[in-house]
Amino acid sequence: MRFLPVLMLVMSNVFMTYAWYGHLKDFRARPLLFVILISWGVAFFEYCLQVPANRLGAGYFSLPQLKVIQEILAMGVFALFCIFYMREKLTWDFLWASLCLAGAAFFMFRNIG
């Protein structure tokens, strides 16, 4: 059942990434207030997944572990969003930053078992 909070965090990141960055492609010509309201509406669904995911995840992971999981998932979702939705190329710097997150995960989870 550990996978359920992680899956919910993945889905919440999809919503939040779109809420934060999707307007740069889809609503560029719209007024800022309109974009803010649309983003809030999308973010509502992110919170509907994020809050229960953290509640469930707290039964399996420590709070710092949940945060590191969240950050790693956010980078992964963001990378896919950049490539497939925004049609941007990732640079080597993104790889190095991701490796730093992998290091964070190593230190956060190395004493489990």
N, C-alpha and C. Protein backbone atom coordinates (compact mmCIF):
# COMPACT_ATOMS: atom_id res chain seq x y z
N MET A 1 0.82 -1.21 0.00
CA MET A 1 0.00 0.00 0.00
C MET A 1 0.86 1.27 0.00
N ARG A 2 2.18 1.11 0.16
CA ARG A 2 3.08 2.26 0.11
C ARG A 2 3.02 2.98 -1.23
N PHE A 3 2.68 2.26 -2.28
CA PHE A 3 2.66 2.86 -3.61
C PHE A 3 1.52 3.85 -3.78
N LEU A 4 0.42 3.70 -3.04
CA LEU A 4 -0.74 4.58 -3.23
C LEU A 4 -0.42 6.04 -2.94
N PRO A 5 0.22 6.37 -1.80
CA PRO A 5 0.55 7.78 -1.60
C PRO A 5 1.51 8.32 -2.66
N VAL A 6 2.44 7.48 -3.11
CA VAL A 6 3.38 7.91 -4.15
C VAL A 6 2.64 8.17 -5.46
N LEU A 7 1.72 7.29 -5.82
CA LEU A 7 0.92 7.49 -7.02
C LEU A 7 0.09 8.77 -6.92
N MET A 8 -0.48 9.01 -5.76
CA MET A 8 -1.26 10.22 -5.56
C MET A 8 -0.37 11.47 -5.65
N LEU A 9 0.85 11.36 -5.16
CA LEU A 9 1.78 12.48 -5.27
C LEU A 9 2.17 12.74 -6.72
N VAL A 10 2.33 11.68 -7.50
CA VAL A 10 2.62 11.86 -8.92
C VAL A 10 1.48 12.63 -9.58
N MET A 11 0.26 12.18 -9.34
CA MET A 11 -0.90 12.85 -9.96
C MET A 11 -1.05 14.29 -9.47
N SER A 12 -0.80 14.53 -8.19
CA SER A 12 -0.90 15.90 -7.68
C SER A 12 0.15 16.79 -8.35
N ASN A 13 1.32 16.22 -8.61
CA ASN A 13 2.36 16.99 -9.29
C ASN A 13 1.99 17.32 -10.73
N VAL A 14 1.27 16.43 -11.38
CA VAL A 14 0.81 16.72 -12.74
C VAL A 14 -0.09 17.96 -12.71
N PHE A 15 -1.03 18.00 -11.79
CA PHE A 15 -1.93 19.15 -11.68
C PHE A 15 -1.16 20.41 -11.32
N MET A 16 -0.27 20.32 -10.34
CA MET A 16 0.42 21.51 -9.89
C MET A 16 1.39 22.04 -10.93
N THR A 17 2.06 21.15 -11.64
CA THR A 17 2.96 21.60 -12.69
C THR A 17 2.19 22.35 -13.77
N TYR A 18 1.03 21.82 -14.13
CA TYR A 18 0.20 22.52 -15.11
C TYR A 18 -0.28 23.86 -14.55
N ALA A 19 -0.70 23.88 -13.29
CA ALA A 19 -1.19 25.12 -12.68
C ALA A 19 -0.09 26.19 -12.68
N TRP A 20 1.14 25.79 -12.41
CA TRP A 20 2.24 26.75 -12.35
C TRP A 20 2.75 27.18 -13.71
N TYR A 21 2.81 26.23 -14.68
CA TYR A 21 3.49 26.51 -15.93
C TYR A 21 2.65 26.37 -17.19
N GLY A 22 1.53 25.68 -17.12
CA GLY A 22 0.71 25.45 -18.30
C GLY A 22 0.18 26.72 -18.94
N HIS A 23 -0.07 27.73 -18.13
CA HIS A 23 -0.58 28.99 -18.66
C HIS A 23 0.42 29.67 -19.59
N LEU A 24 1.70 29.33 -19.46
CA LEU A 24 2.71 29.94 -20.34
C LEU A 24 2.53 29.51 -21.79
N LYS A 25 1.87 28.39 -21.98
CA LYS A 25 1.58 27.92 -23.34
C LYS A 25 0.12 28.19 -23.71
N ASP A 26 -0.79 27.88 -22.81
CA ASP A 26 -2.22 27.88 -23.15
C ASP A 26 -2.93 29.21 -22.98
N PHE A 27 -2.46 30.05 -22.07
CA PHE A 27 -3.20 31.28 -21.76
C PHE A 27 -2.29 32.52 -21.81
N ARG A 28 -1.31 32.49 -22.66
CA ARG A 28 -0.32 33.58 -22.73
C ARG A 28 -0.96 34.94 -23.00
N ALA A 29 -1.97 34.97 -23.83
CA ALA A 29 -2.59 36.24 -24.22
C ALA A 29 -3.72 36.67 -23.29
N ARG A 30 -4.04 35.86 -22.31
CA ARG A 30 -5.15 36.18 -21.40
C ARG A 30 -4.69 37.12 -20.29
N PRO A 31 -5.62 37.86 -19.69
CA PRO A 31 -5.27 38.74 -18.57
C PRO A 31 -4.76 37.92 -17.37
N LEU A 32 -3.88 38.52 -16.61
CA LEU A 32 -3.25 37.84 -15.48
C LEU A 32 -4.28 37.35 -14.46
N LEU A 33 -5.29 38.13 -14.16
CA LEU A 33 -6.31 37.70 -13.19
C LEU A 33 -7.01 36.43 -13.67
N PHE A 34 -7.32 36.34 -14.95
CA PHE A 34 -7.93 35.14 -15.52
C PHE A 34 -7.02 33.93 -15.30
N VAL A 35 -5.73 34.13 -15.60
CA VAL A 35 -4.76 33.04 -15.46
C VAL A 35 -4.63 32.60 -14.01
N ILE A 36 -4.63 33.54 -13.11
CA ILE A 36 -4.55 33.21 -11.68
C ILE A 36 -5.75 32.38 -11.26
N LEU A 37 -6.93 32.77 -11.68
CA LEU A 37 -8.14 32.03 -11.31
C LEU A 37 -8.14 30.62 -11.91
N ILE A 38 -7.73 30.50 -13.16
CA ILE A 38 -7.63 29.17 -13.79
C ILE A 38 -6.62 28.31 -13.03
N SER A 39 -5.47 28.90 -12.71
CA SER A 39 -4.43 28.15 -11.99
C SER A 39 -4.92 27.71 -10.62
N TRP A 40 -5.64 28.57 -9.92
CA TRP A 40 -6.20 28.18 -8.62
C TRP A 40 -7.17 27.02 -8.78
N GLY A 41 -7.98 27.07 -9.83
CA GLY A 41 -8.92 25.97 -10.08
C GLY A 41 -8.21 24.65 -10.31
N VAL A 42 -7.13 24.69 -11.08
CA VAL A 42 -6.36 23.47 -11.33
C VAL A 42 -5.67 23.01 -10.04
N ALA A 43 -5.14 23.97 -9.29
CA ALA A 43 -4.44 23.65 -8.04
C ALA A 43 -5.38 23.01 -7.01
N PHE A 44 -6.67 23.31 -7.10
CA PHE A 44 -7.62 22.67 -6.19
C PHE A 44 -7.52 21.15 -6.28
N PHE A 45 -7.42 20.64 -7.51
CA PHE A 45 -7.33 19.20 -7.70
C PHE A 45 -5.99 18.66 -7.19
N GLU A 46 -4.96 19.48 -7.30
CA GLU A 46 -3.66 19.09 -6.74
C GLU A 46 -3.79 18.89 -5.23
N TYR A 47 -4.44 19.82 -4.56
CA TYR A 47 -4.61 19.70 -3.11
C TYR A 47 -5.50 18.52 -2.73
N CYS A 48 -6.48 18.22 -3.57
CA CYS A 48 -7.35 17.07 -3.30
C CYS A 48 -6.57 15.75 -3.34
N LEU A 49 -5.44 15.74 -3.98
CA LEU A 49 -4.58 14.55 -4.02
C LEU A 49 -3.41 14.67 -3.04
N GLN A 50 -2.82 15.84 -2.94
CA GLN A 50 -1.63 16.05 -2.12
C GLN A 50 -1.91 15.84 -0.63
N VAL A 51 -2.97 16.43 -0.14
CA VAL A 51 -3.26 16.33 1.30
C VAL A 51 -3.52 14.88 1.72
N PRO A 52 -4.40 14.14 1.04
CA PRO A 52 -4.59 12.74 1.44
C PRO A 52 -3.33 11.89 1.20
N ALA A 53 -2.56 12.21 0.16
CA ALA A 53 -1.33 11.46 -0.08
C ALA A 53 -0.36 11.62 1.09
N ASN A 54 -0.25 12.83 1.60
CA ASN A 54 0.63 13.05 2.75
C ASN A 54 0.08 12.38 4.01
N ARG A 55 -1.22 12.40 4.17
CA ARG A 55 -1.81 11.71 5.34
C ARG A 55 -1.55 10.21 5.28
N LEU A 56 -1.79 9.62 4.11
CA LEU A 56 -1.53 8.19 3.95
C LEU A 56 -0.03 7.89 4.04
N GLY A 57 0.76 8.72 3.38
CA GLY A 57 2.21 8.51 3.34
C GLY A 57 2.86 8.62 4.71
N ALA A 58 2.27 9.42 5.60
CA ALA A 58 2.83 9.57 6.95
C ALA A 58 2.78 8.27 7.73
N GLY A 59 1.95 7.34 7.28
CA GLY A 59 1.90 6.03 7.92
C GLY A 59 3.05 5.13 7.49
N TYR A 60 3.73 5.48 6.41
CA TYR A 60 4.82 4.66 5.88
C TYR A 60 6.17 5.37 5.90
N PHE A 61 6.16 6.69 5.81
CA PHE A 61 7.38 7.45 5.67
C PHE A 61 7.46 8.53 6.74
N SER A 62 8.67 8.97 7.05
CA SER A 62 8.83 10.12 7.94
C SER A 62 8.51 11.39 7.14
N LEU A 63 8.32 12.49 7.84
CA LEU A 63 8.02 13.75 7.18
C LEU A 63 9.16 14.17 6.22
N PRO A 64 10.43 14.10 6.64
CA PRO A 64 11.49 14.42 5.68
C PRO A 64 11.53 13.48 4.48
N GLN A 65 11.23 12.22 4.68
CA GLN A 65 11.18 11.29 3.55
C GLN A 65 10.07 11.66 2.58
N LEU A 66 8.90 12.03 3.12
CA LEU A 66 7.81 12.47 2.26
C LEU A 66 8.21 13.68 1.42
N LYS A 67 8.92 14.61 2.04
CA LYS A 67 9.34 15.81 1.31
C LYS A 67 10.32 15.46 0.19
N VAL A 68 11.27 14.58 0.46
CA VAL A 68 12.23 14.19 -0.57
C VAL A 68 11.52 13.44 -1.69
N ILE A 69 10.59 12.56 -1.36
CA ILE A 69 9.79 11.87 -2.38
C ILE A 69 9.08 12.90 -3.24
N GLN A 70 8.45 13.88 -2.60
CA GLN A 70 7.72 14.92 -3.30
C GLN A 70 8.63 15.67 -4.27
N GLU A 71 9.81 16.04 -3.83
CA GLU A 71 10.72 16.81 -4.69
C GLU A 71 11.21 15.99 -5.88
N ILE A 72 11.51 14.73 -5.65
CA ILE A 72 11.96 13.86 -6.75
C ILE A 72 10.84 13.68 -7.76
N LEU A 73 9.64 13.42 -7.28
CA LEU A 73 8.51 13.28 -8.19
C LEU A 73 8.25 14.58 -8.95
N ALA A 74 8.37 15.71 -8.26
CA ALA A 74 8.15 17.00 -8.91
C ALA A 74 9.14 17.22 -10.05
N MET A 75 10.40 16.87 -9.84
CA MET A 75 11.40 17.02 -10.90
C MET A 75 11.10 16.08 -12.06
N GLY A 76 10.69 14.87 -11.77
CA GLY A 76 10.36 13.92 -12.83
C GLY A 76 9.17 14.36 -13.65
N VAL A 77 8.12 14.78 -12.97
CA VAL A 77 6.91 15.27 -13.67
C VAL A 77 7.25 16.52 -14.47
N PHE A 78 8.05 17.41 -13.87
CA PHE A 78 8.43 18.63 -14.56
C PHE A 78 9.24 18.33 -15.82
N ALA A 79 10.14 17.36 -15.74
CA ALA A 79 10.94 16.99 -16.91
C ALA A 79 10.04 16.50 -18.04
N LEU A 80 9.11 15.62 -17.72
CA LEU A 80 8.19 15.11 -18.74
C LEU A 80 7.31 16.23 -19.30
N PHE A 81 6.86 17.11 -18.43
CA PHE A 81 6.04 18.25 -18.84
C PHE A 81 6.81 19.15 -19.81
N CYS A 82 8.08 19.42 -19.47
CA CYS A 82 8.91 20.25 -20.35
C CYS A 82 9.07 19.63 -21.72
N ILE A 83 9.37 18.36 -21.74
CA ILE A 83 9.67 17.68 -23.00
C ILE A 83 8.42 17.48 -23.85
N PHE A 84 7.39 16.91 -23.26
CA PHE A 84 6.23 16.49 -24.05
C PHE A 84 5.15 17.55 -24.21
N TYR A 85 4.98 18.43 -23.23
CA TYR A 85 3.91 19.41 -23.31
C TYR A 85 4.42 20.77 -23.79
N MET A 86 5.50 21.24 -23.19
CA MET A 86 6.03 22.54 -23.55
C MET A 86 7.00 22.47 -24.73
N ARG A 87 7.42 21.26 -25.11
CA ARG A 87 8.33 21.04 -26.23
C ARG A 87 9.67 21.76 -26.05
N GLU A 88 10.17 21.71 -24.81
CA GLU A 88 11.47 22.29 -24.51
C GLU A 88 12.48 21.18 -24.29
N LYS A 89 13.72 21.50 -24.56
CA LYS A 89 14.80 20.54 -24.36
C LYS A 89 15.38 20.75 -22.97
N LEU A 90 15.72 19.65 -22.32
CA LEU A 90 16.39 19.74 -21.03
C LEU A 90 17.89 19.77 -21.26
N THR A 91 18.57 20.51 -20.41
CA THR A 91 20.02 20.63 -20.53
C THR A 91 20.70 19.65 -19.57
N TRP A 92 22.01 19.56 -19.69
CA TRP A 92 22.78 18.72 -18.77
C TRP A 92 22.61 19.18 -17.33
N ASP A 93 22.38 20.46 -17.12
CA ASP A 93 22.20 20.96 -15.76
C ASP A 93 21.01 20.30 -15.07
N PHE A 94 19.98 20.00 -15.85
CA PHE A 94 18.83 19.30 -15.27
C PHE A 94 19.25 17.91 -14.78
N LEU A 95 20.09 17.24 -15.55
CA LEU A 95 20.60 15.93 -15.14
C LEU A 95 21.39 16.04 -13.85
N TRP A 96 22.28 17.02 -13.77
CA TRP A 96 23.10 17.17 -12.55
C TRP A 96 22.22 17.49 -11.34
N ALA A 97 21.23 18.33 -11.52
CA ALA A 97 20.31 18.65 -10.42
C ALA A 97 19.54 17.39 -10.00
N SER A 98 19.14 16.59 -10.97
CA SER A 98 18.43 15.34 -10.66
C SER A 98 19.32 14.37 -9.90
N LEU A 99 20.59 14.32 -10.25
CA LEU A 99 21.52 13.47 -9.52
C LEU A 99 21.69 13.94 -8.07
N CYS A 100 21.65 15.23 -7.87
CA CYS A 100 21.69 15.75 -6.49
C CYS A 100 20.46 15.28 -5.71
N LEU A 101 19.29 15.28 -6.35
CA LEU A 101 18.09 14.77 -5.70
C LEU A 101 18.21 13.27 -5.42
N ALA A 102 18.83 12.54 -6.33
CA ALA A 102 19.05 11.11 -6.09
C ALA A 102 19.95 10.93 -4.87
N GLY A 103 20.94 11.80 -4.72
CA GLY A 103 21.79 11.76 -3.53
C GLY A 103 20.98 12.06 -2.28
N ALA A 104 20.08 13.01 -2.35
CA ALA A 104 19.22 13.33 -1.21
C ALA A 104 18.37 12.12 -0.83
N ALA A 105 17.85 11.43 -1.84
CA ALA A 105 17.04 10.23 -1.57
C ALA A 105 17.90 9.15 -0.92
N PHE A 106 19.12 8.98 -1.40
CA PHE A 106 20.01 7.99 -0.81
C PHE A 106 20.19 8.25 0.67
N PHE A 107 20.52 9.48 1.03
CA PHE A 107 20.77 9.78 2.44
C PHE A 107 19.50 9.71 3.28
N MET A 108 18.36 10.07 2.68
CA MET A 108 17.10 10.05 3.44
C MET A 108 16.62 8.63 3.70
N PHE A 109 16.92 7.70 2.81
CA PHE A 109 16.36 6.35 2.92
C PHE A 109 17.41 5.28 3.22
N ARG A 110 18.65 5.62 3.45
CA ARG A 110 19.70 4.62 3.59
C ARG A 110 19.59 3.76 4.85
N ASN A 111 18.92 4.22 5.86
CA ASN A 111 18.82 3.46 7.10
C ASN A 111 17.49 2.75 7.28
N ILE A 112 16.74 2.59 6.19
CA ILE A 112 15.46 1.89 6.25
C ILE A 112 15.70 0.40 6.10
N GLY A 113 14.97 -0.35 6.87
CA GLY A 113 15.05 -1.78 6.66
C GLY A 113 15.12 -2.53 7.87
